[in-house]
N, C-alpha and C. Protein backbone atom coordinates (compact mmCIF):
# COMPACT_ATOMS: atom_id res chain seq x y z
N MET A 1 92.47 -21.74 38.23
CA MET A 1 91.34 -20.85 38.44
C MET A 1 90.12 -21.66 38.87
N PHE A 2 89.44 -21.21 39.92
CA PHE A 2 88.26 -21.89 40.45
C PHE A 2 87.06 -21.65 39.55
N ILE A 3 86.40 -22.74 39.16
CA ILE A 3 85.16 -22.66 38.39
C ILE A 3 84.14 -23.55 39.09
N LEU A 4 83.00 -22.98 39.42
CA LEU A 4 81.94 -23.72 40.08
C LEU A 4 81.27 -24.65 39.08
N ASP A 5 81.03 -25.89 39.49
CA ASP A 5 80.33 -26.86 38.65
C ASP A 5 78.99 -26.27 38.20
N SER A 6 78.65 -26.48 36.94
CA SER A 6 77.44 -25.87 36.37
C SER A 6 76.17 -26.34 37.08
N ARG A 7 76.14 -27.56 37.57
CA ARG A 7 74.94 -28.03 38.28
C ARG A 7 74.78 -27.33 39.61
N LEU A 8 75.89 -27.11 40.31
CA LEU A 8 75.81 -26.35 41.56
C LEU A 8 75.39 -24.91 41.28
N GLU A 9 75.95 -24.35 40.24
CA GLU A 9 75.61 -22.97 39.87
C GLU A 9 74.11 -22.85 39.54
N ARG A 10 73.58 -23.83 38.83
CA ARG A 10 72.18 -23.81 38.41
C ARG A 10 71.22 -23.99 39.59
N ASP A 11 71.60 -24.83 40.58
CA ASP A 11 70.68 -25.22 41.64
C ASP A 11 70.82 -24.42 42.93
N THR A 12 71.73 -23.44 42.94
CA THR A 12 72.00 -22.73 44.19
C THR A 12 72.03 -21.22 43.99
N VAL A 13 72.08 -20.53 45.11
CA VAL A 13 72.28 -19.09 45.15
C VAL A 13 73.60 -18.86 45.88
N SER A 14 74.50 -18.11 45.28
CA SER A 14 75.77 -17.81 45.92
C SER A 14 75.56 -16.74 46.99
N LEU A 15 76.06 -17.02 48.21
CA LEU A 15 75.91 -16.07 49.30
C LEU A 15 77.20 -15.30 49.58
N GLY A 16 78.34 -15.86 49.22
CA GLY A 16 79.60 -15.18 49.48
C GLY A 16 80.71 -16.19 49.73
N ASP A 17 81.77 -15.73 50.38
CA ASP A 17 82.96 -16.56 50.55
C ASP A 17 83.49 -16.54 51.97
N PHE A 18 83.85 -17.74 52.45
CA PHE A 18 84.72 -17.91 53.60
C PHE A 18 86.14 -17.82 53.06
N PRO A 19 87.16 -17.86 53.91
CA PRO A 19 88.52 -17.83 53.39
C PRO A 19 88.82 -18.93 52.37
N LEU A 20 88.28 -20.15 52.57
CA LEU A 20 88.51 -21.24 51.63
C LEU A 20 87.32 -21.49 50.72
N CYS A 21 86.14 -21.49 51.26
CA CYS A 21 84.97 -22.00 50.54
C CYS A 21 84.01 -20.91 50.07
N ARG A 22 83.38 -21.17 48.95
CA ARG A 22 82.23 -20.42 48.50
C ARG A 22 81.02 -20.98 49.24
N LEU A 23 80.18 -20.12 49.78
CA LEU A 23 78.97 -20.55 50.46
C LEU A 23 77.79 -20.40 49.52
N LEU A 24 77.10 -21.51 49.31
CA LEU A 24 75.93 -21.56 48.44
C LEU A 24 74.70 -21.94 49.25
N LEU A 25 73.56 -21.47 48.82
CA LEU A 25 72.27 -21.85 49.39
C LEU A 25 71.55 -22.68 48.33
N MET A 26 71.22 -23.92 48.65
CA MET A 26 70.45 -24.73 47.73
C MET A 26 69.10 -24.04 47.54
N ASN A 27 68.69 -23.84 46.30
CA ASN A 27 67.47 -23.08 46.02
C ASN A 27 66.25 -23.98 46.19
N ASP A 28 66.05 -24.39 47.44
CA ASP A 28 64.90 -25.22 47.81
C ASP A 28 64.45 -24.79 49.21
N ALA A 29 63.38 -24.05 49.26
CA ALA A 29 62.90 -23.46 50.51
C ALA A 29 62.33 -24.47 51.49
N HIS A 30 62.30 -25.75 51.13
CA HIS A 30 61.86 -26.77 52.08
C HIS A 30 62.81 -26.89 53.27
N TYR A 31 64.09 -26.61 53.04
CA TYR A 31 65.11 -26.85 54.06
C TYR A 31 66.16 -25.73 54.04
N PRO A 32 66.70 -25.37 55.21
CA PRO A 32 67.89 -24.53 55.23
C PRO A 32 69.09 -25.40 54.83
N TRP A 33 69.40 -25.42 53.54
CA TRP A 33 70.35 -26.36 52.95
C TRP A 33 71.46 -25.54 52.29
N PHE A 34 72.64 -25.63 52.85
CA PHE A 34 73.79 -24.85 52.39
C PHE A 34 74.86 -25.78 51.86
N ILE A 35 75.70 -25.25 51.01
CA ILE A 35 76.78 -26.04 50.42
C ILE A 35 78.06 -25.20 50.45
N LEU A 36 79.12 -25.81 50.94
CA LEU A 36 80.44 -25.19 50.94
C LEU A 36 81.27 -25.83 49.83
N VAL A 37 81.87 -25.01 49.00
CA VAL A 37 82.71 -25.50 47.90
C VAL A 37 84.10 -24.88 48.03
N PRO A 38 85.12 -25.69 48.34
CA PRO A 38 86.47 -25.13 48.40
C PRO A 38 86.84 -24.52 47.05
N ARG A 39 87.37 -23.32 47.07
CA ARG A 39 87.75 -22.64 45.83
C ARG A 39 89.14 -23.11 45.40
N ARG A 40 89.21 -24.37 45.04
CA ARG A 40 90.43 -25.00 44.56
C ARG A 40 90.11 -25.73 43.26
N GLU A 41 91.06 -25.77 42.35
CA GLU A 41 90.86 -26.41 41.05
C GLU A 41 90.92 -27.92 41.15
N GLU A 42 90.05 -28.57 40.40
CA GLU A 42 90.08 -30.01 40.17
C GLU A 42 90.26 -30.83 41.44
N VAL A 43 89.44 -30.54 42.44
CA VAL A 43 89.45 -31.30 43.69
C VAL A 43 88.09 -31.98 43.84
N SER A 44 88.12 -33.30 43.99
CA SER A 44 86.87 -34.03 44.16
C SER A 44 86.79 -34.74 45.51
N GLU A 45 87.91 -34.82 46.23
CA GLU A 45 87.95 -35.52 47.52
C GLU A 45 88.65 -34.65 48.55
N VAL A 46 88.24 -34.77 49.80
CA VAL A 46 88.84 -34.00 50.88
C VAL A 46 90.35 -34.26 50.95
N PHE A 47 90.77 -35.51 50.79
CA PHE A 47 92.19 -35.84 50.93
C PHE A 47 93.05 -35.22 49.82
N GLN A 48 92.43 -34.68 48.77
CA GLN A 48 93.20 -34.01 47.72
C GLN A 48 93.58 -32.58 48.11
N LEU A 49 92.96 -32.06 49.16
CA LEU A 49 93.34 -30.76 49.69
C LEU A 49 94.60 -30.93 50.53
N ASP A 50 95.44 -29.89 50.59
CA ASP A 50 96.59 -30.00 51.49
C ASP A 50 96.07 -29.94 52.93
N VAL A 51 96.91 -30.29 53.87
CA VAL A 51 96.49 -30.41 55.27
C VAL A 51 95.90 -29.11 55.80
N ALA A 52 96.51 -27.99 55.46
CA ALA A 52 95.99 -26.69 55.94
C ALA A 52 94.58 -26.44 55.40
N ASP A 53 94.35 -26.76 54.13
CA ASP A 53 93.01 -26.56 53.55
C ASP A 53 92.01 -27.56 54.13
N GLN A 54 92.44 -28.79 54.41
CA GLN A 54 91.54 -29.75 55.05
C GLN A 54 91.06 -29.21 56.40
N ARG A 55 91.99 -28.70 57.16
CA ARG A 55 91.67 -28.15 58.49
C ARG A 55 90.70 -26.97 58.33
N LEU A 56 91.00 -26.09 57.38
CA LEU A 56 90.16 -24.92 57.17
C LEU A 56 88.76 -25.31 56.70
N LEU A 57 88.68 -26.32 55.83
CA LEU A 57 87.37 -26.80 55.37
C LEU A 57 86.51 -27.23 56.55
N TRP A 58 87.07 -28.03 57.45
CA TRP A 58 86.27 -28.52 58.59
C TRP A 58 85.99 -27.41 59.59
N GLN A 59 86.89 -26.43 59.71
CA GLN A 59 86.59 -25.29 60.57
C GLN A 59 85.42 -24.49 60.02
N GLU A 60 85.44 -24.25 58.71
CA GLU A 60 84.34 -23.50 58.09
C GLU A 60 83.04 -24.28 58.17
N ALA A 61 83.09 -25.58 57.92
CA ALA A 61 81.88 -26.40 58.00
C ALA A 61 81.33 -26.42 59.42
N GLY A 62 82.21 -26.56 60.40
CA GLY A 62 81.78 -26.57 61.79
C GLY A 62 81.18 -25.25 62.22
N ARG A 63 81.83 -24.18 61.83
CA ARG A 63 81.31 -22.85 62.18
C ARG A 63 79.95 -22.61 61.53
N LEU A 64 79.83 -22.98 60.26
CA LEU A 64 78.56 -22.82 59.58
C LEU A 64 77.48 -23.68 60.23
N ALA A 65 77.79 -24.94 60.52
CA ALA A 65 76.81 -25.84 61.14
C ALA A 65 76.33 -25.29 62.48
N GLU A 66 77.25 -24.82 63.29
CA GLU A 66 76.87 -24.26 64.59
C GLU A 66 75.98 -23.03 64.41
N THR A 67 76.33 -22.17 63.47
CA THR A 67 75.55 -20.97 63.19
C THR A 67 74.15 -21.33 62.72
N LEU A 68 74.06 -22.30 61.80
CA LEU A 68 72.76 -22.70 61.27
C LEU A 68 71.90 -23.37 62.32
N LYS A 69 72.51 -24.19 63.18
CA LYS A 69 71.75 -24.87 64.24
C LYS A 69 71.06 -23.84 65.11
N ASP A 70 71.81 -22.80 65.49
CA ASP A 70 71.23 -21.76 66.33
C ASP A 70 70.24 -20.88 65.56
N THR A 71 70.60 -20.48 64.35
CA THR A 71 69.79 -19.55 63.56
C THR A 71 68.46 -20.16 63.15
N PHE A 72 68.46 -21.45 62.80
CA PHE A 72 67.25 -22.10 62.29
C PHE A 72 66.64 -23.08 63.29
N ALA A 73 67.09 -23.05 64.54
CA ALA A 73 66.56 -23.92 65.60
C ALA A 73 66.51 -25.38 65.13
N ALA A 74 67.61 -25.85 64.59
CA ALA A 74 67.67 -27.21 64.04
C ALA A 74 67.70 -28.24 65.16
N ASP A 75 67.04 -29.38 64.91
CA ASP A 75 67.12 -30.51 65.81
C ASP A 75 68.37 -31.34 65.54
N LYS A 76 68.82 -31.32 64.28
CA LYS A 76 69.99 -32.10 63.88
C LYS A 76 70.65 -31.42 62.69
N MET A 77 71.96 -31.42 62.68
CA MET A 77 72.70 -30.89 61.53
C MET A 77 73.22 -32.06 60.70
N ASN A 78 72.96 -32.04 59.41
CA ASN A 78 73.50 -33.03 58.48
C ASN A 78 74.66 -32.37 57.76
N VAL A 79 75.84 -32.93 57.90
CA VAL A 79 77.04 -32.42 57.25
C VAL A 79 77.66 -33.60 56.50
N ALA A 80 77.78 -33.45 55.16
CA ALA A 80 78.25 -34.59 54.37
C ALA A 80 78.88 -34.16 53.06
N THR A 81 79.84 -34.96 52.61
CA THR A 81 80.36 -34.86 51.26
C THR A 81 79.94 -36.13 50.55
N LEU A 82 79.33 -35.99 49.39
CA LEU A 82 78.89 -37.17 48.64
C LEU A 82 79.53 -37.18 47.26
N GLY A 83 79.10 -36.30 46.40
CA GLY A 83 79.75 -36.15 45.11
C GLY A 83 79.48 -37.26 44.11
N ASN A 84 78.40 -37.99 44.27
CA ASN A 84 78.08 -39.04 43.30
C ASN A 84 77.59 -38.45 41.98
N VAL A 85 76.94 -37.32 42.01
CA VAL A 85 76.45 -36.67 40.80
C VAL A 85 77.38 -35.52 40.40
N VAL A 86 77.70 -34.67 41.36
CA VAL A 86 78.62 -33.55 41.13
C VAL A 86 79.96 -33.94 41.76
N SER A 87 80.96 -34.16 40.93
CA SER A 87 82.24 -34.63 41.47
C SER A 87 83.06 -33.54 42.15
N GLN A 88 82.82 -32.28 41.82
CA GLN A 88 83.55 -31.19 42.48
C GLN A 88 83.32 -31.29 43.98
N LEU A 89 84.41 -31.23 44.76
CA LEU A 89 84.28 -31.34 46.21
C LEU A 89 83.33 -30.26 46.73
N HIS A 90 82.34 -30.72 47.47
CA HIS A 90 81.41 -29.80 48.11
C HIS A 90 80.86 -30.48 49.37
N VAL A 91 80.54 -29.67 50.35
CA VAL A 91 80.05 -30.16 51.63
C VAL A 91 78.64 -29.63 51.84
N HIS A 92 77.71 -30.55 52.01
CA HIS A 92 76.33 -30.18 52.32
C HIS A 92 76.23 -29.93 53.83
N VAL A 93 75.62 -28.81 54.20
CA VAL A 93 75.38 -28.47 55.60
C VAL A 93 73.90 -28.12 55.68
N ILE A 94 73.13 -29.04 56.25
CA ILE A 94 71.67 -28.92 56.20
C ILE A 94 71.10 -28.89 57.62
N ALA A 95 70.34 -27.85 57.91
CA ALA A 95 69.67 -27.74 59.20
C ALA A 95 68.37 -28.53 59.13
N ARG A 96 68.30 -29.61 59.89
CA ARG A 96 67.11 -30.48 59.86
C ARG A 96 66.27 -30.26 61.11
N ARG A 97 64.97 -30.34 60.89
CA ARG A 97 64.01 -30.24 61.99
C ARG A 97 63.08 -31.42 61.92
N ARG A 98 62.63 -31.85 63.06
CA ARG A 98 61.73 -33.01 63.11
C ARG A 98 60.43 -32.78 62.33
N ASP A 99 60.08 -31.52 62.12
CA ASP A 99 58.85 -31.20 61.37
C ASP A 99 59.13 -30.82 59.92
N ASP A 100 60.37 -31.06 59.42
CA ASP A 100 60.62 -30.69 58.02
C ASP A 100 59.99 -31.71 57.07
N ALA A 101 59.95 -31.37 55.81
CA ALA A 101 59.21 -32.13 54.81
C ALA A 101 59.73 -33.55 54.58
N ALA A 102 60.97 -33.84 54.98
CA ALA A 102 61.53 -35.17 54.71
C ALA A 102 61.91 -35.95 55.97
N TRP A 103 61.84 -35.35 57.13
CA TRP A 103 62.31 -35.99 58.37
C TRP A 103 61.70 -37.35 58.54
N PRO A 104 62.46 -38.36 58.90
CA PRO A 104 63.89 -38.39 59.17
C PRO A 104 64.73 -38.83 57.96
N ALA A 105 64.10 -38.94 56.81
CA ALA A 105 64.79 -39.40 55.60
C ALA A 105 65.73 -38.32 55.06
N PRO A 106 66.61 -38.69 54.15
CA PRO A 106 67.46 -37.69 53.49
C PRO A 106 66.61 -36.69 52.70
N VAL A 107 67.15 -35.50 52.48
CA VAL A 107 66.41 -34.46 51.76
C VAL A 107 66.45 -34.63 50.25
N TRP A 108 67.43 -35.37 49.74
CA TRP A 108 67.60 -35.51 48.29
C TRP A 108 66.42 -36.19 47.64
N GLY A 109 65.85 -35.54 46.63
CA GLY A 109 64.81 -36.14 45.81
C GLY A 109 63.51 -36.44 46.51
N ARG A 110 63.27 -35.83 47.63
CA ARG A 110 62.05 -36.13 48.39
C ARG A 110 60.83 -35.47 47.76
N GLN A 111 61.00 -34.28 47.25
CA GLN A 111 59.88 -33.56 46.66
C GLN A 111 60.40 -32.50 45.70
N THR A 112 59.51 -31.97 44.92
CA THR A 112 59.89 -30.93 43.97
C THR A 112 60.35 -29.69 44.74
N PRO A 113 61.55 -29.17 44.40
CA PRO A 113 62.05 -27.98 45.10
C PRO A 113 61.12 -26.79 44.93
N ILE A 114 61.07 -25.97 45.96
CA ILE A 114 60.36 -24.70 45.93
C ILE A 114 61.43 -23.61 45.99
N ALA A 115 61.54 -22.81 44.95
CA ALA A 115 62.58 -21.78 44.90
C ALA A 115 62.33 -20.70 45.94
N TYR A 116 63.42 -20.21 46.51
CA TYR A 116 63.33 -19.08 47.44
C TYR A 116 62.92 -17.82 46.67
N THR A 117 62.20 -16.95 47.33
CA THR A 117 61.94 -15.63 46.77
C THR A 117 63.16 -14.75 47.05
N ASP A 118 63.28 -13.65 46.33
CA ASP A 118 64.37 -12.71 46.58
C ASP A 118 64.31 -12.20 48.02
N GLU A 119 63.11 -11.98 48.52
CA GLU A 119 62.94 -11.51 49.89
C GLU A 119 63.44 -12.54 50.90
N GLN A 120 63.15 -13.82 50.67
CA GLN A 120 63.64 -14.88 51.56
C GLN A 120 65.16 -14.96 51.54
N ILE A 121 65.74 -14.83 50.36
CA ILE A 121 67.21 -14.87 50.24
C ILE A 121 67.83 -13.70 50.99
N ARG A 122 67.25 -12.52 50.84
CA ARG A 122 67.74 -11.35 51.59
C ARG A 122 67.65 -11.61 53.10
N GLY A 123 66.55 -12.19 53.53
CA GLY A 123 66.37 -12.49 54.95
C GLY A 123 67.41 -13.46 55.47
N ILE A 124 67.73 -14.49 54.69
CA ILE A 124 68.76 -15.45 55.10
C ILE A 124 70.12 -14.76 55.15
N ARG A 125 70.43 -13.97 54.13
CA ARG A 125 71.70 -13.22 54.15
C ARG A 125 71.79 -12.34 55.39
N ASP A 126 70.69 -11.64 55.70
CA ASP A 126 70.69 -10.74 56.85
C ASP A 126 70.88 -11.50 58.15
N LYS A 127 70.21 -12.66 58.30
CA LYS A 127 70.37 -13.48 59.51
C LYS A 127 71.82 -13.92 59.67
N LEU A 128 72.40 -14.40 58.58
CA LEU A 128 73.78 -14.89 58.65
C LEU A 128 74.78 -13.74 58.83
N ARG A 129 74.49 -12.60 58.24
CA ARG A 129 75.37 -11.44 58.36
C ARG A 129 75.52 -11.02 59.82
N LEU A 130 74.48 -11.19 60.60
CA LEU A 130 74.52 -10.80 62.01
C LEU A 130 75.51 -11.64 62.81
N VAL A 131 75.68 -12.91 62.43
CA VAL A 131 76.53 -13.81 63.23
C VAL A 131 77.85 -14.13 62.54
N LEU A 132 77.91 -14.04 61.24
CA LEU A 132 79.17 -14.30 60.52
C LEU A 132 79.78 -12.96 60.13
N THR A 133 80.20 -12.22 61.12
CA THR A 133 80.62 -10.84 60.90
C THR A 133 81.89 -10.70 60.08
N ASP A 134 82.73 -11.73 60.05
CA ASP A 134 83.96 -11.63 59.27
C ASP A 134 83.83 -12.36 57.92
N PHE A 135 82.65 -12.77 57.57
CA PHE A 135 82.38 -13.47 56.32
C PHE A 135 82.20 -12.46 55.20
N ASP A 136 82.70 -12.76 54.01
CA ASP A 136 82.60 -11.86 52.87
C ASP A 136 81.32 -12.17 52.09
N PHE A 137 80.28 -11.37 52.31
CA PHE A 137 79.02 -11.57 51.61
C PHE A 137 79.01 -10.90 50.25
N GLY A 138 80.09 -10.27 49.86
CA GLY A 138 80.14 -9.63 48.55
C GLY A 138 79.18 -8.45 48.49
N ALA A 139 78.71 -8.18 47.27
CA ALA A 139 77.82 -7.02 47.07
C ALA A 139 76.44 -7.25 47.62
C-alpha cells in the first residue's frame, strides 16, 4: 500500500494522480515547484522501479515539465531526484525564471516559504486542468 512520506505530506498540497505518480505542489509560492511521487511501496531509487514504471515515471516528468514550462513561461526547467532528506522516491519539477527569488541558485533553503492561498491553489489546478485533460485531479 502506498503511503506518502510525512514530510512531503506536510510541505505540499496534493493535486491529483497521473497513472504512476501522485502530483504534489510544494507549498511555497516563490516558485512553481511540483513533486512527482511514484505510488509504489518502499522505493527510494529510480532503478528499484521495474522497467515499465521507470519509463512511465520519465514520461510523466517530461509531460509535466513541458506543461509547466509553457504554463509558467519558465526560462529553465529543473527536474531532479535527490532524496537526501526524504528517502521516498520523488522527482522535483521546478519552473525557474531568471527573475525568481533564487535564480540562478537552487531553490532549497533560499528563503522562508510563503504558503499558497486557497485561491492560488485553485488557479494552479485550473491552469493545469486545461492542458492535462486526462489527468485525475480528484475531487
